[in-house]
Protein backbone atom coordinates (compact mmCIF):
# COMPACT_ATOMS: atom_id res chain seq x y z
CA MET A 1 -0.77 -24.08 52.63
CA ARG A 2 1.13 -21.42 50.68
CA GLU A 3 4.88 -21.78 50.27
CA LEU A 4 7.64 -19.23 50.76
CA THR A 5 10.19 -19.11 47.93
CA TYR A 6 13.46 -17.23 48.19
CA TYR A 7 14.29 -16.06 44.65
CA ILE A 8 17.72 -14.49 44.46
CA GLY A 9 20.72 -13.86 42.22
CA VAL A 10 24.12 -14.83 43.60
CA THR A 11 27.74 -14.84 42.53
CA LEU A 12 29.78 -18.03 42.40
CA ASP A 13 31.13 -17.15 45.83
CA GLY A 14 27.66 -16.66 47.33
CA PHE A 15 27.08 -12.89 47.37
CA ILE A 16 23.84 -11.22 46.31
CA ALA A 17 25.40 -7.76 46.05
CA GLY A 18 28.67 -5.95 46.57
CA PRO A 19 29.65 -4.34 49.89
CA ASP A 20 27.79 -1.14 48.92
CA ASP A 21 24.75 -2.96 47.45
CA GLU A 22 26.22 -3.06 43.92
CA VAL A 23 24.46 -5.40 41.49
CA ASP A 24 25.55 -3.86 38.18
CA PHE A 25 28.20 -6.56 37.63
CA TYR A 26 25.65 -9.29 36.81
CA PRO A 27 25.74 -10.10 33.08
CA LEU A 28 22.43 -9.49 31.31
CA THR A 29 21.55 -10.51 27.77
CA PRO A 30 18.34 -10.30 25.72
CA GLY A 31 18.06 -14.11 25.89
CA PHE A 32 18.36 -14.07 29.67
CA GLU A 33 15.75 -11.34 29.99
CA ALA A 34 13.41 -13.25 27.65
CA PHE A 35 13.82 -16.34 29.85
CA LEU A 36 12.88 -14.35 32.96
CA GLY A 37 9.84 -12.84 31.24
CA ALA A 38 8.64 -16.24 30.02
CA ASN A 39 9.49 -18.35 33.08
CA LEU A 40 9.49 -16.03 36.10
CA PRO A 41 7.23 -13.09 35.23
CA ASP A 42 5.62 -12.81 38.68
CA VAL A 43 8.93 -11.97 40.40
CA GLN A 44 9.93 -9.17 38.06
CA PRO A 45 9.37 -5.58 39.27
CA SER A 46 6.33 -3.98 37.67
CA HIS A 47 8.35 -1.66 35.40
CA VAL A 48 10.45 -4.63 34.20
CA ARG A 49 7.30 -6.69 33.52
CA ALA A 50 5.99 -3.83 31.39
CA SER A 51 9.23 -3.60 29.39
CA MET A 52 9.15 -7.39 28.85
CA GLY A 53 5.61 -7.18 27.51
CA VAL A 54 4.13 -9.20 30.40
CA GLY A 55 2.84 -6.29 32.47
CA ASP A 56 -0.78 -7.42 32.30
CA ALA A 57 -0.09 -11.16 32.32
CA PRO A 58 -2.02 -13.06 34.98
CA LEU A 59 -0.11 -14.16 38.06
CA THR A 60 0.72 -17.86 37.95
CA GLU A 61 3.17 -18.63 40.76
CA PHE A 62 3.24 -15.76 43.29
CA ASP A 63 0.80 -13.11 44.53
CA THR A 64 2.78 -11.74 47.50
CA VAL A 65 6.30 -10.31 47.85
CA LEU A 66 8.34 -9.82 51.02
CA MET A 67 11.25 -7.41 51.36
CA GLY A 68 13.51 -6.04 54.03
CA ARG A 69 14.25 -2.33 54.28
CA ARG A 70 17.51 -2.43 52.28
CA THR A 71 15.80 -4.22 49.40
CA TYR A 72 12.86 -1.80 49.44
CA GLU A 73 14.63 1.55 49.88
CA PRO A 74 16.27 1.86 46.41
CA ALA A 75 12.82 2.11 44.82
CA LEU A 76 11.79 4.78 47.34
CA GLN A 77 14.80 6.86 46.33
CA PHE A 78 13.19 7.09 42.86
CA GLY A 79 9.75 7.88 44.29
CA VAL A 80 8.41 4.35 43.70
CA THR A 81 6.44 3.27 46.75
CA ASP A 82 5.56 -0.16 45.34
CA PRO A 83 8.08 -1.70 42.92
CA TYR A 84 5.90 -4.84 42.74
CA ALA A 85 2.50 -3.21 42.26
CA HIS A 86 1.17 -6.41 40.68
CA LEU A 87 1.79 -8.28 43.97
CA ARG A 88 0.70 -7.76 47.56
CA THR A 89 3.79 -6.12 49.11
CA LEU A 90 5.08 -6.50 52.66
CA VAL A 91 8.15 -4.63 53.87
CA PHE A 92 9.75 -5.78 57.13
CA SER A 93 11.37 -2.88 58.97
CA SER A 94 11.27 -1.20 62.34
CA THR A 95 12.73 2.05 61.00
CA ILE A 96 11.27 2.79 57.58
CA VAL A 97 8.65 5.49 57.26
CA ASP A 98 5.32 4.09 56.08
CA PRO A 99 4.99 5.02 52.38
CA GLU A 100 1.20 5.25 52.76
CA ASP A 101 0.66 3.11 49.69
CA PRO A 102 -2.53 1.00 50.01
CA ASN A 103 -0.75 -2.04 48.49
CA VAL A 104 2.28 -1.85 50.83
CA GLU A 105 2.16 -3.19 54.38
CA VAL A 106 5.05 -2.23 56.64
CA VAL A 107 5.56 -4.99 59.20
CA ARG A 108 7.23 -3.92 62.42
CA THR A 109 6.50 -7.08 64.40
CA ASP A 110 7.98 -10.59 64.33
CA PRO A 111 8.60 -11.62 60.69
CA VAL A 112 8.24 -15.34 61.44
CA SER A 113 4.74 -15.06 62.92
CA ARG A 114 3.63 -12.74 60.09
CA VAL A 115 4.93 -15.16 57.44
CA ARG A 116 3.24 -18.11 59.16
CA ALA A 117 -0.04 -16.18 59.05
CA LEU A 118 0.51 -15.43 55.34
CA LYS A 119 1.18 -19.09 54.63
CA ALA A 120 -2.13 -20.03 56.25
CA GLU A 121 -4.08 -17.71 53.92
CA GLU A 122 -5.52 -18.74 50.56
CA GLY A 123 -3.58 -17.69 47.49
CA LEU A 124 -0.56 -18.28 45.34
CA GLY A 125 3.02 -18.56 46.60
CA ILE A 126 4.95 -15.98 48.59
CA TYR A 127 8.10 -14.53 47.03
CA LEU A 128 10.96 -13.47 49.31
CA ALA A 129 12.88 -10.78 47.40
CA GLY A 130 15.48 -10.20 50.09
CA GLY A 131 17.63 -9.37 51.67
CA ALA A 132 20.14 -11.48 53.48
CA GLY A 133 19.05 -10.46 56.98
CA LEU A 134 15.36 -11.14 56.36
CA ALA A 135 16.24 -14.44 54.66
CA GLY A 136 18.27 -15.39 57.73
CA VAL A 137 15.38 -14.61 60.08
CA LEU A 138 12.96 -16.55 57.85
CA LEU A 139 15.30 -19.43 57.00
CA ASP A 140 13.16 -22.06 58.75
CA GLU A 141 10.10 -20.80 56.85
CA ILE A 142 11.68 -20.97 53.36
CA ASP A 143 10.14 -23.88 51.43
CA ARG A 144 11.78 -23.36 48.04
CA LEU A 145 14.80 -21.65 46.52
CA ILE A 146 15.16 -20.24 43.03
CA VAL A 147 18.81 -19.26 42.73
CA LYS A 148 20.22 -17.46 39.71
CA LYS A 149 23.91 -18.43 39.95
CA TYR A 150 25.92 -15.93 37.88
CA PRO A 151 29.42 -16.66 36.48
CA VAL A 152 30.98 -13.93 38.62
CA ILE A 153 33.24 -13.95 41.67
CA ALA A 154 32.69 -10.84 43.80
CA GLY A 155 35.24 -11.45 46.54
CA SER A 156 33.12 -9.80 49.22
CA GLY A 157 29.70 -8.32 49.69
CA ILE A 158 26.31 -9.21 51.06
CA PRO A 159 25.84 -12.98 51.53
CA MET A 160 22.82 -14.87 50.24
CA VAL A 161 21.64 -15.47 53.81
CA SER A 162 22.89 -13.80 56.98
CA HIS A 163 22.51 -16.15 59.95
CA ALA A 164 24.44 -18.14 62.51
CA PHE A 165 25.78 -21.54 61.57
CA ALA A 166 22.64 -23.69 61.19
CA PRO A 167 22.73 -25.99 58.13
CA LYS A 168 19.42 -26.49 56.33
CA GLN A 169 19.02 -29.14 53.64
CA PHE A 170 17.30 -28.63 50.31
CA ALA A 171 16.64 -31.16 47.55
CA PHE A 172 17.64 -30.35 43.99
CA ASP A 173 14.64 -29.95 41.64
CA ASP A 174 15.88 -28.45 38.39
CA ALA A 175 18.60 -26.46 36.63
CA GLN A 176 18.59 -24.39 33.46
CA ALA A 177 21.72 -22.93 31.88
CA LEU A 178 21.22 -19.62 30.08
CA ASP A 179 23.10 -17.72 27.38
CA ASN A 180 24.77 -15.29 29.83
CA GLY A 181 26.41 -18.15 31.75
CA CYS A 182 23.85 -17.96 34.54
CA VAL A 183 22.35 -21.19 35.83
CA VAL A 184 18.88 -21.03 37.38
CA LEU A 185 18.70 -23.63 40.14
CA ARG A 186 15.54 -24.75 41.90
CA TYR A 187 15.46 -26.50 45.27
CA SER A 188 12.81 -27.69 47.74
CA ARG A 189 13.22 -27.84 51.51
CA ILE A 190 13.82 -31.29 52.97
CA ARG A 191 11.57 -31.53 56.01
CA ALA A 192 12.42 -34.11 58.65
């Protein structure tokens, strides 16, 4: 069965973006970008993969990406209907206009049942790109976390997961400290 991995960048105080979706405060360095290109190429947007020199690299970990409307819309504002053209793309929204891109499926029904169907298919892993609301709805379906913890305190903003109080346990798998002060943490769901 395929696994769902939530890959996300967060501040020390747990925000993925500022109150108005700001993300320009995350420190980036050439070493950090090289790490992402070498270790997490599947989850980079297609234009970023190309700039990293891994645009044509075969997929190794993920072949599907899931996004909510707020995560997807910034690309549309630049005329990009599929920011992850190298992956099968699903956008969960009841309000977004279908971009009529053959690689993009707009899902207007229950996200949980659609993700369960995806997990039952053959293929590589499923990458949850965000956002907080979709992650909250899919929390019980998330099998793994890859968290880029940045050395920044935002004070307020969009939380990593938006949901009611419902603790979920994950086991620590690995951590890598990078030259920009970011620590990439990997966790696996503890299933009872």
